[in-house]
Amino acid sequence: MTGGSNKRVSLAALIATRPGHPARMIYRTRTSRGKDQRKGFTESWLRVYRLPPYASELNPVEPVWSNLKRSLANLAKQDIGQLTALIKTRLRRMQYRPVLLDGFLAKTGLDLSNFQN
């Protein structure tokens, strides 16, 4: 998401689930303020695994982005700091709604029972 000129807010998120526990969403934001800065994440918490060809309908985080973008659509942001704060607020609201996160997981249609311990 951009907040004007070349400033950018990068987002990464995951939804984790465990049998008998509510779903959890973990997210990180990174604000890039200049043209010379990297646009992606370099934090050590992020691990990249090569997966089969991209299928957005199987990714439970895709509805998170859709929900977030819809909630920001008609709001005017003054600067990149305000946009970042607003994004974090909206993601935090989703984070504390496990029923919503369960719905995002259910939307994929994946059978997660195979991953139980």
PDB file of N, CA and C in Angstrom:
ATOM      1  N   MET A   1       0.852  -1.168   0.000  1.00  0.00           N
ATOM      2  CA  MET A   1       0.000   0.000   0.000  1.00  0.00           C
ATOM      3  C   MET A   1       0.893   1.225   0.000  1.00  0.00           C
ATOM      4  N   THR A   2       0.547   2.195  -0.764  1.00  0.00           N
ATOM      5  CA  THR A   2       1.358   3.393  -0.809  1.00  0.00           C
ATOM      6  C   THR A   2       0.628   4.536  -0.123  1.00  0.00           C
ATOM      7  N   GLY A   3       1.406   5.434   0.427  1.00  0.00           N
ATOM      8  CA  GLY A   3       0.841   6.574   1.127  1.00  0.00           C
ATOM      9  C   GLY A   3       1.258   7.875   0.480  1.00  0.00           C
ATOM     10  N   GLY A   4       1.502   7.866  -0.788  1.00  0.00           N
ATOM     11  CA  GLY A   4       1.909   9.081  -1.488  1.00  0.00           C
ATOM     12  C   GLY A   4       3.334   8.969  -1.971  1.00  0.00           C
ATOM     13  N   SER A   5       3.628   9.552  -3.081  1.00  0.00           N
ATOM     14  CA  SER A   5       4.928   9.550  -3.752  1.00  0.00           C
ATOM     15  C   SER A   5       5.560   8.168  -3.716  1.00  0.00           C
ATOM     16  N   ASN A   6       6.783   8.049  -3.202  1.00  0.00           N
ATOM     17  CA  ASN A   6       7.465   6.759  -3.215  1.00  0.00           C
ATOM     18  C   ASN A   6       7.477   6.094  -1.847  1.00  0.00           C
ATOM     19  N   LYS A   7       6.681   6.581  -0.924  1.00  0.00           N
ATOM     20  CA  LYS A   7       6.615   5.986   0.406  1.00  0.00           C
ATOM     21  C   LYS A   7       5.698   4.783   0.363  1.00  0.00           C
ATOM     22  N   ARG A   8       6.033   3.764   1.149  1.00  0.00           N
ATOM     23  CA  ARG A   8       5.326   2.497   1.058  1.00  0.00           C
ATOM     24  C   ARG A   8       5.206   1.848   2.432  1.00  0.00           C
ATOM     25  N   VAL A   9       4.080   1.171   2.651  1.00  0.00           N
ATOM     26  CA  VAL A   9       3.896   0.333   3.824  1.00  0.00           C
ATOM     27  C   VAL A   9       3.825  -1.098   3.318  1.00  0.00           C
ATOM     28  N   SER A  10       4.771  -1.937   3.737  1.00  0.00           N
ATOM     29  CA  SER A  10       4.760  -3.350   3.351  1.00  0.00           C
ATOM     30  C   SER A  10       4.162  -4.152   4.495  1.00  0.00           C
ATOM     31  N   LEU A  11       3.401  -5.179   4.147  1.00  0.00           N
ATOM     32  CA  LEU A  11       2.711  -5.994   5.145  1.00  0.00           C
ATOM     33  C   LEU A  11       3.013  -7.462   4.907  1.00  0.00           C
ATOM     34  N   ALA A  12       3.136  -8.203   5.985  1.00  0.00           N
ATOM     35  CA  ALA A  12       3.241  -9.659   5.919  1.00  0.00           C
ATOM     36  C   ALA A  12       2.403 -10.202   7.059  1.00  0.00           C
ATOM     37  N   ALA A  13       1.686 -11.293   6.804  1.00  0.00           N
ATOM     38  CA  ALA A  13       0.836 -11.867   7.841  1.00  0.00           C
ATOM     39  C   ALA A  13       0.717 -13.364   7.641  1.00  0.00           C
ATOM     40  N   LEU A  14       0.318 -14.027   8.721  1.00  0.00           N
ATOM     41  CA  LEU A  14       0.002 -15.447   8.650  1.00  0.00           C
ATOM     42  C   LEU A  14      -1.121 -15.721   9.628  1.00  0.00           C
ATOM     43  N   ILE A  15      -1.885 -16.751   9.338  1.00  0.00           N
ATOM     44  CA  ILE A  15      -2.926 -17.207  10.257  1.00  0.00           C
ATOM     45  C   ILE A  15      -2.508 -18.596  10.700  1.00  0.00           C
ATOM     46  N   ALA A  16      -2.404 -18.787  12.010  1.00  0.00           N
ATOM     47  CA  ALA A  16      -1.979 -20.060  12.575  1.00  0.00           C
ATOM     48  C   ALA A  16      -3.160 -20.701  13.296  1.00  0.00           C
ATOM     49  N   THR A  17      -3.221 -22.005  13.203  1.00  0.00           N
ATOM     50  CA  THR A  17      -4.291 -22.731  13.874  1.00  0.00           C
ATOM     51  C   THR A  17      -3.724 -23.984  14.530  1.00  0.00           C
ATOM     52  N   ARG A  18      -4.354 -24.362  15.630  1.00  0.00           N
ATOM     53  CA  ARG A  18      -3.955 -25.558  16.357  1.00  0.00           C
ATOM     54  C   ARG A  18      -5.224 -26.179  16.920  1.00  0.00           C
ATOM     55  N   PRO A  19      -5.371 -27.475  16.842  1.00  0.00           N
ATOM     56  CA  PRO A  19      -6.590 -28.116  17.335  1.00  0.00           C
ATOM     57  C   PRO A  19      -6.885 -27.727  18.789  1.00  0.00           C
ATOM     58  N   GLY A  20      -8.134 -27.348  19.037  1.00  0.00           N
ATOM     59  CA  GLY A  20      -8.556 -26.998  20.392  1.00  0.00           C
ATOM     60  C   GLY A  20      -8.232 -25.577  20.804  1.00  0.00           C
ATOM     61  N   HIS A  21      -7.633 -24.803  19.921  1.00  0.00           N
ATOM     62  CA  HIS A  21      -7.269 -23.424  20.224  1.00  0.00           C
ATOM     63  C   HIS A  21      -7.844 -22.508  19.140  1.00  0.00           C
ATOM     64  N   PRO A  22      -8.116 -21.248  19.501  1.00  0.00           N
ATOM     65  CA  PRO A  22      -8.613 -20.316  18.476  1.00  0.00           C
ATOM     66  C   PRO A  22      -7.506 -19.977  17.471  1.00  0.00           C
ATOM     67  N   ALA A  23      -7.930 -19.634  16.280  1.00  0.00           N
ATOM     68  CA  ALA A  23      -6.971 -19.221  15.248  1.00  0.00           C
ATOM     69  C   ALA A  23      -6.291 -17.927  15.691  1.00  0.00           C
ATOM     70  N   ARG A  24      -5.044 -17.752  15.272  1.00  0.00           N
ATOM     71  CA  ARG A  24      -4.289 -16.537  15.593  1.00  0.00           C
ATOM     72  C   ARG A  24      -3.734 -15.941  14.314  1.00  0.00           C
ATOM     73  N   MET A  25      -3.699 -14.625  14.281  1.00  0.00           N
ATOM     74  CA  MET A  25      -3.074 -13.936  13.152  1.00  0.00           C
ATOM     75  C   MET A  25      -1.861 -13.182  13.679  1.00  0.00           C
ATOM     76  N   ILE A  26      -0.767 -13.326  12.980  1.00  0.00           N
ATOM     77  CA  ILE A  26       0.462 -12.624  13.317  1.00  0.00           C
ATOM     78  C   ILE A  26       0.810 -11.773  12.104  1.00  0.00           C
ATOM     79  N   TYR A  27       1.154 -10.518  12.337  1.00  0.00           N
ATOM     80  CA  TYR A  27       1.467  -9.639  11.210  1.00  0.00           C
ATOM     81  C   TYR A  27       2.634  -8.733  11.556  1.00  0.00           C
ATOM     82  N   ARG A  28       3.254  -8.221  10.519  1.00  0.00           N
ATOM     83  CA  ARG A  28       4.329  -7.239  10.644  1.00  0.00           C
ATOM     84  C   ARG A  28       4.116  -6.178   9.576  1.00  0.00           C
ATOM     85  N   THR A  29       4.450  -4.955   9.921  1.00  0.00           N
ATOM     86  CA  THR A  29       4.428  -3.871   8.940  1.00  0.00           C
ATOM     87  C   THR A  29       5.836  -3.301   8.831  1.00  0.00           C
ATOM     88  N   ARG A  30       6.128  -2.764   7.693  1.00  0.00           N
ATOM     89  CA  ARG A  30       7.424  -2.106   7.478  1.00  0.00           C
ATOM     90  C   ARG A  30       7.167  -0.875   6.626  1.00  0.00           C
ATOM     91  N   THR A  31       7.636   0.264   7.101  1.00  0.00           N
ATOM     92  CA  THR A  31       7.453   1.510   6.373  1.00  0.00           C
ATOM     93  C   THR A  31       8.739   1.874   5.660  1.00  0.00           C
ATOM     94  N   SER A  32       8.643   2.071   4.373  1.00  0.00           N
ATOM     95  CA  SER A  32       9.778   2.489   3.557  1.00  0.00           C
ATOM     96  C   SER A  32       9.589   3.964   3.248  1.00  0.00           C
ATOM     97  N   ARG A  33      10.576   4.761   3.554  1.00  0.00           N
ATOM     98  CA  ARG A  33      10.435   6.210   3.383  1.00  0.00           C
ATOM     99  C   ARG A  33      11.224   6.779   2.216  1.00  0.00           C
ATOM    100  N   GLY A  34      12.021   5.984   1.595  1.00  0.00           N
ATOM    101  CA  GLY A  34      12.834   6.550   0.514  1.00  0.00           C
ATOM    102  C   GLY A  34      12.981   5.616  -0.662  1.00  0.00           C
ATOM    103  N   LYS A  35      13.414   6.166  -1.753  1.00  0.00           N
ATOM    104  CA  LYS A  35      13.555   5.416  -2.995  1.00  0.00           C
ATOM    105  C   LYS A  35      14.684   4.391  -2.906  1.00  0.00           C
ATOM    106  N   ASP A  36      15.683   4.654  -2.087  1.00  0.00           N
ATOM    107  CA  ASP A  36      16.852   3.785  -2.019  1.00  0.00           C
ATOM    108  C   ASP A  36      16.695   2.623  -1.042  1.00  0.00           C
ATOM    109  N   GLN A  37      15.616   2.623  -0.266  1.00  0.00           N
ATOM    110  CA  GLN A  37      15.422   1.551   0.697  1.00  0.00           C
ATOM    111  C   GLN A  37      14.820   0.327   0.026  1.00  0.00           C
ATOM    112  N   ARG A  38      15.082  -0.843   0.626  1.00  0.00           N
ATOM    113  CA  ARG A  38      14.474  -2.077   0.143  1.00  0.00           C
ATOM    114  C   ARG A  38      12.975  -2.016   0.333  1.00  0.00           C
ATOM    115  N   LYS A  39      12.243  -2.626  -0.560  1.00  0.00           N
ATOM    116  CA  LYS A  39      10.789  -2.600  -0.477  1.00  0.00           C
ATOM    117  C   LYS A  39      10.228  -3.802   0.268  1.00  0.00           C
ATOM    118  N   GLY A  40      11.050  -4.797   0.533  1.00  0.00           N
ATOM    119  CA  GLY A  40      10.553  -6.011   1.183  1.00  0.00           C
ATOM    120  C   GLY A  40      11.018  -6.124   2.622  1.00  0.00           C
ATOM    121  N   PHE A  41      10.755  -7.286   3.177  1.00  0.00           N
ATOM    122  CA  PHE A  41      11.127  -7.555   4.557  1.00  0.00           C
ATOM    123  C   PHE A  41      12.504  -8.180   4.621  1.00  0.00           C
ATOM    124  N   THR A  42      13.254  -7.792   5.623  1.00  0.00           N
ATOM    125  CA  THR A  42      14.561  -8.400   5.849  1.00  0.00           C
ATOM    126  C   THR A  42      14.673  -8.921   7.277  1.00  0.00           C
ATOM    127  N   GLU A  43      13.580  -8.846   8.035  1.00  0.00           N
ATOM    128  CA  GLU A  43      13.597  -9.301   9.416  1.00  0.00           C
ATOM    129  C   GLU A  43      13.841 -10.803   9.470  1.00  0.00           C
ATOM    130  N   SER A  44      14.511 -11.239  10.516  1.00  0.00           N
ATOM    131  CA  SER A  44      14.877 -12.650  10.628  1.00  0.00           C
ATOM    132  C   SER A  44      13.671 -13.543  10.899  1.00  0.00           C
ATOM    133  N   TRP A  45      12.564 -12.989  11.375  1.00  0.00           N
ATOM    134  CA  TRP A  45      11.391 -13.854  11.662  1.00  0.00           C
ATOM    135  C   TRP A  45      10.741 -14.392  10.398  1.00  0.00           C
ATOM    136  N   LEU A  46      11.001 -13.782   9.268  1.00  0.00           N
ATOM    137  CA  LEU A  46      10.327 -14.189   8.045  1.00  0.00           C
ATOM    138  C   LEU A  46      11.135 -15.264   7.325  1.00  0.00           C
ATOM    139  N   ARG A  47      10.531 -16.423   7.120  1.00  0.00           N
ATOM    140  CA  ARG A  47      11.161 -17.500   6.365  1.00  0.00           C
ATOM    141  C   ARG A  47      10.355 -17.710   5.098  1.00  0.00           C
ATOM    142  N   VAL A  48      11.037 -17.909   4.014  1.00  0.00           N
ATOM    143  CA  VAL A  48      10.367 -18.093   2.735  1.00  0.00           C
ATOM    144  C   VAL A  48      10.517 -19.549   2.321  1.00  0.00           C
ATOM    145  N   TYR A  49       9.401 -20.175   1.996  1.00  0.00           N
ATOM    146  CA  TYR A  49       9.385 -21.545   1.498  1.00  0.00           C
ATOM    147  C   TYR A  49       8.781 -21.534   0.110  1.00  0.00           C
ATOM    148  N   ARG A  50       9.394 -22.216  -0.801  1.00  0.00           N
ATOM    149  CA  ARG A  50       8.859 -22.319  -2.157  1.00  0.00           C
ATOM    150  C   ARG A  50       7.680 -23.279  -2.134  1.00  0.00           C
ATOM    151  N   LEU A  51       6.541 -22.804  -2.575  1.00  0.00           N
ATOM    152  CA  LEU A  51       5.322 -23.595  -2.605  1.00  0.00           C
ATOM    153  C   LEU A  51       4.915 -23.851  -4.048  1.00  0.00           C
ATOM    154  N   PRO A  52       3.932 -24.742  -4.245  1.00  0.00           N
ATOM    155  CA  PRO A  52       3.423 -24.950  -5.598  1.00  0.00           C
ATOM    156  C   PRO A  52       2.900 -23.638  -6.172  1.00  0.00           C
ATOM    157  N   PRO A  53       2.573 -23.589  -7.452  1.00  0.00           N
ATOM    158  CA  PRO A  53       2.080 -22.361  -8.067  1.00  0.00           C
ATOM    159  C   PRO A  53       1.003 -21.688  -7.218  1.00  0.00           C
ATOM    160  N   TYR A  54       1.043 -20.406  -7.196  1.00  0.00           N
ATOM    161  CA  TYR A  54       0.188 -19.590  -6.338  1.00  0.00           C
ATOM    162  C   TYR A  54      -1.291 -19.838  -6.603  1.00  0.00           C
ATOM    163  N   ALA A  55      -2.013 -20.092  -5.525  1.00  0.00           N
ATOM    164  CA  ALA A  55      -3.462 -20.278  -5.600  1.00  0.00           C
ATOM    165  C   ALA A  55      -4.071 -19.452  -4.468  1.00  0.00           C
ATOM    166  N   SER A  56      -4.498 -18.246  -4.786  1.00  0.00           N
ATOM    167  CA  SER A  56      -4.986 -17.334  -3.754  1.00  0.00           C
ATOM    168  C   SER A  56      -6.189 -17.884  -3.004  1.00  0.00           C
ATOM    169  N   GLU A  57      -6.991 -18.719  -3.652  1.00  0.00           N
ATOM    170  CA  GLU A  57      -8.168 -19.264  -2.975  1.00  0.00           C
ATOM    171  C   GLU A  57      -7.801 -20.228  -1.853  1.00  0.00           C
ATOM    172  N   LEU A  58      -6.562 -20.706  -1.822  1.00  0.00           N
ATOM    173  CA  LEU A  58      -6.107 -21.604  -0.762  1.00  0.00           C
ATOM    174  C   LEU A  58      -5.326 -20.882   0.333  1.00  0.00           C
ATOM    175  N   ASN A  59      -5.124 -19.592   0.182  1.00  0.00           N
ATOM    176  CA  ASN A  59      -4.355 -18.817   1.145  1.00  0.00           C
ATOM    177  C   ASN A  59      -5.302 -18.093   2.090  1.00  0.00           C
ATOM    178  N   PRO A  60      -5.344 -18.472   3.385  1.00  0.00           N
ATOM    179  CA  PRO A  60      -6.285 -17.849   4.308  1.00  0.00           C
ATOM    180  C   PRO A  60      -5.987 -16.384   4.604  1.00  0.00           C
ATOM    181  N   VAL A  61      -4.822 -15.880   4.208  1.00  0.00           N
ATOM    182  CA  VAL A  61      -4.501 -14.481   4.465  1.00  0.00           C
ATOM    183  C   VAL A  61      -5.071 -13.567   3.376  1.00  0.00           C
ATOM    184  N   GLU A  62      -5.401 -14.108   2.210  1.00  0.00           N
ATOM    185  CA  GLU A  62      -5.967 -13.276   1.144  1.00  0.00           C
ATOM    186  C   GLU A  62      -7.229 -12.530   1.593  1.00  0.00           C
ATOM    187  N   PRO A  63      -8.163 -13.184   2.313  1.00  0.00           N
ATOM    188  CA  PRO A  63      -9.329 -12.429   2.789  1.00  0.00           C
ATOM    189  C   PRO A  63      -8.958 -11.334   3.801  1.00  0.00           C
ATOM    190  N   VAL A  64      -7.836 -11.508   4.500  1.00  0.00           N
ATOM    191  CA  VAL A  64      -7.375 -10.458   5.418  1.00  0.00           C
ATOM    192  C   VAL A  64      -7.087  -9.194   4.627  1.00  0.00           C
ATOM    193  N   TRP A  65      -6.342  -9.338   3.519  1.00  0.00           N
ATOM    194  CA  TRP A  65      -5.996  -8.164   2.710  1.00  0.00           C
ATOM    195  C   TRP A  65      -7.255  -7.537   2.114  1.00  0.00           C
ATOM    196  N   SER A  66      -8.179  -8.373   1.656  1.00  0.00           N
ATOM    197  CA  SER A  66      -9.424  -7.870   1.088  1.00  0.00           C
ATOM    198  C   SER A  66     -10.217  -7.081   2.129  1.00  0.00           C
ATOM    199  N   ASN A  67     -10.323  -7.645   3.327  1.00  0.00           N
ATOM    200  CA  ASN A  67     -11.040  -6.990   4.425  1.00  0.00           C
ATOM    201  C   ASN A  67     -10.353  -5.673   4.789  1.00  0.00           C
ATOM    202  N   LEU A  68      -9.027  -5.689   4.869  1.00  0.00           N
ATOM    203  CA  LEU A  68      -8.267  -4.488   5.219  1.00  0.00           C
ATOM    204  C   LEU A  68      -8.455  -3.394   4.171  1.00  0.00           C
ATOM    205  N   LYS A  69      -8.310  -3.734   2.909  1.00  0.00           N
ATOM    206  CA  LYS A  69      -8.447  -2.737   1.844  1.00  0.00           C
ATOM    207  C   LYS A  69      -9.839  -2.134   1.816  1.00  0.00           C
ATOM    208  N   ARG A  70     -10.851  -2.980   2.031  1.00  0.00           N
ATOM    209  CA  ARG A  70     -12.229  -2.485   2.047  1.00  0.00           C
ATOM    210  C   ARG A  70     -12.433  -1.501   3.199  1.00  0.00           C
ATOM    211  N   SER A  71     -11.819  -1.772   4.350  1.00  0.00           N
ATOM    212  CA  SER A  71     -11.986  -0.893   5.510  1.00  0.00           C
ATOM    213  C   SER A  71     -11.244   0.434   5.360  1.00  0.00           C
ATOM    214  N   LEU A  72     -10.264   0.500   4.460  1.00  0.00           N
ATOM    215  CA  LEU A  72      -9.478   1.721   4.254  1.00  0.00           C
ATOM    216  C   LEU A  72      -9.937   2.531   3.037  1.00  0.00           C
ATOM    217  N   ALA A  73     -10.862   1.973   2.267  1.00  0.00           N
ATOM    218  CA  ALA A  73     -11.202   2.524   0.956  1.00  0.00           C
ATOM    219  C   ALA A  73     -11.599   3.994   0.955  1.00  0.00           C
ATOM    220  N   ASN A  74     -12.442   4.420   1.841  1.00  0.00           N
ATOM    221  CA  ASN A  74     -12.970   5.788   1.785  1.00  0.00           C
ATOM    222  C   ASN A  74     -12.383   6.708   2.843  1.00  0.00           C
ATOM    223  N   LEU A  75     -11.218   6.359   3.343  1.00  0.00           N
ATOM    224  CA  LEU A  75     -10.583   7.176   4.371  1.00  0.00           C
ATOM    225  C   LEU A  75      -9.429   7.972   3.775  1.00  0.00           C
ATOM    226  N   ALA A  76      -9.335   9.224   4.148  1.00  0.00           N
ATOM    227  CA  ALA A  76      -8.232  10.075   3.681  1.00  0.00           C
ATOM    228  C   ALA A  76      -7.077   9.983   4.674  1.00  0.00           C
ATOM    229  N   LYS A  77      -5.902   9.687   4.165  1.00  0.00           N
ATOM    230  CA  LYS A  77      -4.709   9.603   5.002  1.00  0.00           C
ATOM    231  C   LYS A  77      -3.811  10.791   4.683  1.00  0.00           C
ATOM    232  N   GLN A  78      -3.325  11.450   5.718  1.00  0.00           N
ATOM    233  CA  GLN A  78      -2.502  12.647   5.534  1.00  0.00           C
ATOM    234  C   GLN A  78      -1.058  12.322   5.173  1.00  0.00           C
ATOM    235  N   ASP A  79      -0.519  11.264   5.780  1.00  0.00           N
ATOM    236  CA  ASP A  79       0.878  10.917   5.525  1.00  0.00           C
ATOM    237  C   ASP A  79       1.085   9.427   5.768  1.00  0.00           C
ATOM    238  N   ILE A  80       2.304   8.966   5.524  1.00  0.00           N
ATOM    239  CA  ILE A  80       2.622   7.549   5.646  1.00  0.00           C
ATOM    240  C   ILE A  80       2.487   7.062   7.090  1.00  0.00           C
ATOM    241  N   GLY A  81       2.793   7.916   8.049  1.00  0.00           N
ATOM    242  CA  GLY A  81       2.658   7.554   9.458  1.00  0.00           C
ATOM    243  C   GLY A  81       1.208   7.301   9.835  1.00  0.00           C
ATOM    244  N   GLN A  82       0.326   8.136   9.344  1.00  0.00           N
ATOM    245  CA  GLN A  82      -1.096   7.970   9.625  1.00  0.00           C
ATOM    246  C   GLN A  82      -1.635   6.706   8.950  1.00  0.00           C
ATOM    247  N   LEU A  83      -1.192   6.439   7.736  1.00  0.00           N
ATOM    248  CA  LEU A  83      -1.603   5.226   7.039  1.00  0.00           C
ATOM    249  C   LEU A  83      -1.126   3.989   7.792  1.00  0.00           C
ATOM    250  N   THR A  84       0.118   3.990   8.240  1.00  0.00           N
ATOM    251  CA  THR A  84       0.665   2.860   8.987  1.00  0.00           C
ATOM    252  C   THR A  84      -0.111   2.624  10.274  1.00  0.00           C
ATOM    253  N   ALA A  85      -0.396   3.688  11.012  1.00  0.00           N
ATOM    254  CA  ALA A  85      -1.155   3.561  12.260  1.00  0.00           C
ATOM    255  C   ALA A  85      -2.545   3.000  11.996  1.00  0.00           C
ATOM    256  N   LEU A  86      -3.181   3.454  10.944  1.00  0.00           N
ATOM    257  CA  LEU A  86      -4.521   2.991  10.598  1.00  0.00           C
ATOM    258  C   LEU A  86      -4.500   1.510  10.209  1.00  0.00           C
ATOM    259  N   ILE A  87      -3.508   1.103   9.445  1.00  0.00           N
ATOM    260  CA  ILE A  87      -3.365  -0.304   9.054  1.00  0.00           C
ATOM    261  C   ILE A  87      -3.185  -1.176  10.289  1.00  0.00           C
ATOM    262  N   LYS A  88      -2.311  -0.756  11.189  1.00  0.00           N
ATOM    263  CA  LYS A  88      -2.068  -1.536  12.399  1.00  0.00           C
ATOM    264  C   LYS A  88      -3.332  -1.651  13.253  1.00  0.00           C
ATOM    265  N   THR A  89      -4.094  -0.572  13.351  1.00  0.00           N
ATOM    266  CA  THR A  89      -5.335  -0.594  14.121  1.00  0.00           C
ATOM    267  C   THR A  89      -6.318  -1.589  13.519  1.00  0.00           C
ATOM    268  N   ARG A  90      -6.475  -1.541  12.202  1.00  0.00           N
ATOM    269  CA  ARG A  90      -7.424  -2.443  11.538  1.00  0.00           C
ATOM    270  C   ARG A  90      -6.976  -3.902  11.642  1.00  0.00           C
ATOM    271  N   LEU A  91      -5.686  -4.165  11.503  1.00  0.00           N
ATOM    272  CA  LEU A  91      -5.192  -5.533  11.644  1.00  0.00           C
ATOM    273  C   LEU A  91      -5.349  -6.028  13.074  1.00  0.00           C
ATOM    274  N   ARG A  92      -5.107  -5.157  14.046  1.00  0.00           N
ATOM    275  CA  ARG A  92      -5.264  -5.533  15.459  1.00  0.00           C
ATOM    276  C   ARG A  92      -6.721  -5.908  15.747  1.00  0.00           C
ATOM    277  N   ARG A  93      -7.665  -5.169  15.149  1.00  0.00           N
ATOM    278  CA  ARG A  93      -9.089  -5.500  15.330  1.00  0.00           C
ATOM    279  C   ARG A  93      -9.374  -6.904  14.807  1.00  0.00           C
ATOM    280  N   MET A  94      -8.823  -7.227  13.654  1.00  0.00           N
ATOM    281  CA  MET A  94      -9.031  -8.574  13.095  1.00  0.00           C
ATOM    282  C   MET A  94      -8.367  -9.633  13.967  1.00  0.00           C
ATOM    283  N   GLN A  95      -7.215  -9.284  14.493  1.00  0.00           N
ATOM    284  CA  GLN A  95      -6.427 -10.215  15.302  1.00  0.00           C
ATOM    285  C   GLN A  95      -7.214 -10.717  16.512  1.00  0.00           C
ATOM    286  N   TYR A  96      -8.051  -9.866  17.078  1.00  0.00           N
ATOM    287  CA  TYR A  96      -8.803 -10.216  18.272  1.00  0.00           C
ATOM    288  C   TYR A  96     -10.209 -10.707  17.963  1.00  0.00           C
ATOM    289  N   ARG A  97     -10.434 -11.151  16.726  1.00  0.00           N
ATOM    290  CA  ARG A  97     -11.721 -11.728  16.327  1.00  0.00           C
ATOM    291  C   ARG A  97     -11.471 -13.133  15.779  1.00  0.00           C
ATOM    292  N   PRO A  98     -11.283 -14.120  16.679  1.00  0.00           N
ATOM    293  CA  PRO A  98     -10.964 -15.472  16.220  1.00  0.00           C
ATOM    294  C   PRO A  98     -12.040 -16.077  15.326  1.00  0.00           C
ATOM    295  N   VAL A  99     -13.296 -15.683  15.496  1.00  0.00           N
ATOM    296  CA  VAL A  99     -14.355 -16.205  14.631  1.00  0.00           C
ATOM    297  C   VAL A  99     -14.135 -15.738  13.189  1.00  0.00           C
ATOM    298  N   LEU A 100     -13.718 -14.507  13.022  1.00  0.00           N
ATOM    299  CA  LEU A 100     -13.403 -13.976  11.694  1.00  0.00           C
ATOM    300  C   LEU A 100     -12.238 -14.749  11.085  1.00  0.00           C
ATOM    301  N   LEU A 101     -11.192 -14.983  11.873  1.00  0.00           N
ATOM    302  CA  LEU A 101     -10.027 -15.731  11.391  1.00  0.00           C
ATOM    303  C   LEU A 101     -10.413 -17.163  11.038  1.00  0.00           C
ATOM    304  N   ASP A 102     -11.283 -17.784  11.855  1.00  0.00           N
ATOM    305  CA  ASP A 102     -11.767 -19.131  11.533  1.00  0.00           C
ATOM    306  C   ASP A 102     -12.520 -19.124  10.206  1.00  0.00           C
ATOM    307  N   GLY A 103     -13.264 -18.057   9.958  1.00  0.00           N
ATOM    308  CA  GLY A 103     -13.970 -17.923   8.682  1.00  0.00           C
ATOM    309  C   GLY A 103     -13.007 -17.816   7.509  1.00  0.00           C
ATOM    310  N   PHE A 104     -11.913 -17.090   7.697  1.00  0.00           N
ATOM    311  CA  PHE A 104     -10.903 -16.983   6.646  1.00  0.00           C
ATOM    312  C   PHE A 104     -10.298 -18.361   6.342  1.00  0.00           C
ATOM    313  N   LEU A 105     -10.049 -19.137   7.407  1.00  0.00           N
ATOM    314  CA  LEU A 105      -9.514 -20.491   7.223  1.00  0.00           C
ATOM    315  C   LEU A 105     -10.538 -21.391   6.534  1.00  0.00           C
ATOM    316  N   ALA A 106     -11.798 -21.308   6.962  1.00  0.00           N
ATOM    317  CA  ALA A 106     -12.852 -22.151   6.391  1.00  0.00           C
ATOM    318  C   ALA A 106     -13.069 -21.843   4.917  1.00  0.00           C
ATOM    319  N   LYS A 107     -12.894 -20.577   4.540  1.00  0.00           N
ATOM    320  CA  LYS A 107     -13.116 -20.169   3.150  1.00  0.00           C
ATOM    321  C   LYS A 107     -12.193 -20.904   2.176  1.00  0.00           C
ATOM    322  N   THR A 108     -11.030 -21.339   2.646  1.00  0.00           N
ATOM    323  CA  THR A 108     -10.098 -22.056   1.773  1.00  0.00           C
ATOM    324  C   THR A 108     -10.618 -23.441   1.409  1.00  0.00           C
ATOM    325  N   GLY A 109     -11.489 -24.014   2.243  1.00  0.00           N
ATOM    326  CA  GLY A 109     -11.997 -25.362   1.996  1.00  0.00           C
ATOM    327  C   GLY A 109     -10.983 -26.450   2.269  1.00  0.00           C
ATOM    328  N   LEU A 110      -9.847 -26.100   2.863  1.00  0.00           N
ATOM    329  CA  LEU A 110      -8.811 -27.083   3.151  1.00  0.00           C
ATOM    330  C   LEU A 110      -9.190 -27.928   4.360  1.00  0.00           C
ATOM    331  N   ASP A 111      -8.849 -29.194   4.318  1.00  0.00           N
ATOM    332  CA  ASP A 111      -9.069 -30.085   5.449  1.00  0.00           C
ATOM    333  C   ASP A 111      -7.835 -29.996   6.334  1.00  0.00           C
ATOM    334  N   LEU A 112      -7.939 -29.289   7.429  1.00  0.00           N
ATOM    335  CA  LEU A 112      -6.791 -29.070   8.310  1.00  0.00           C
ATOM    336  C   LEU A 112      -6.647 -30.185   9.357  1.00  0.00           C
ATOM    337  N   SER A 113      -7.552 -31.152   9.355  1.00  0.00           N
ATOM    338  CA  SER A 113      -7.496 -32.214  10.344  1.00  0.00           C
ATOM    339  C   SER A 113      -6.260 -33.099  10.154  1.00  0.00           C
ATOM    340  N   ASN A 114      -5.711 -33.137   8.950  1.00  0.00           N
ATOM    341  CA  ASN A 114      -4.514 -33.945   8.695  1.00  0.00           C
ATOM    342  C   ASN A 114      -3.285 -33.413   9.409  1.00  0.00           C
ATOM    343  N   PHE A 115      -3.347 -32.165   9.871  1.00  0.00           N
ATOM    344  CA  PHE A 115      -2.192 -31.535  10.503  1.00  0.00           C
ATOM    345  C   PHE A 115      -2.250 -31.600  12.023  1.00  0.00           C
ATOM    346  N   GLN A 116      -3.197 -32.356  12.565  1.00  0.00           N
ATOM    347  CA  GLN A 116      -3.296 -32.471  14.024  1.00  0.00           C
ATOM    348  C   GLN A 116      -2.172 -33.375  14.531  1.00  0.00           C
ATOM    349  N   ASN A 117      -1.758 -33.097  15.782  1.00  0.00           N
ATOM    350  CA  ASN A 117      -0.687 -33.902  16.383  1.00  0.00           C
ATOM    351  C   ASN A 117      -1.205 -35.268  16.755  1.00  0.00           C
TER     352      ASN A 117
END
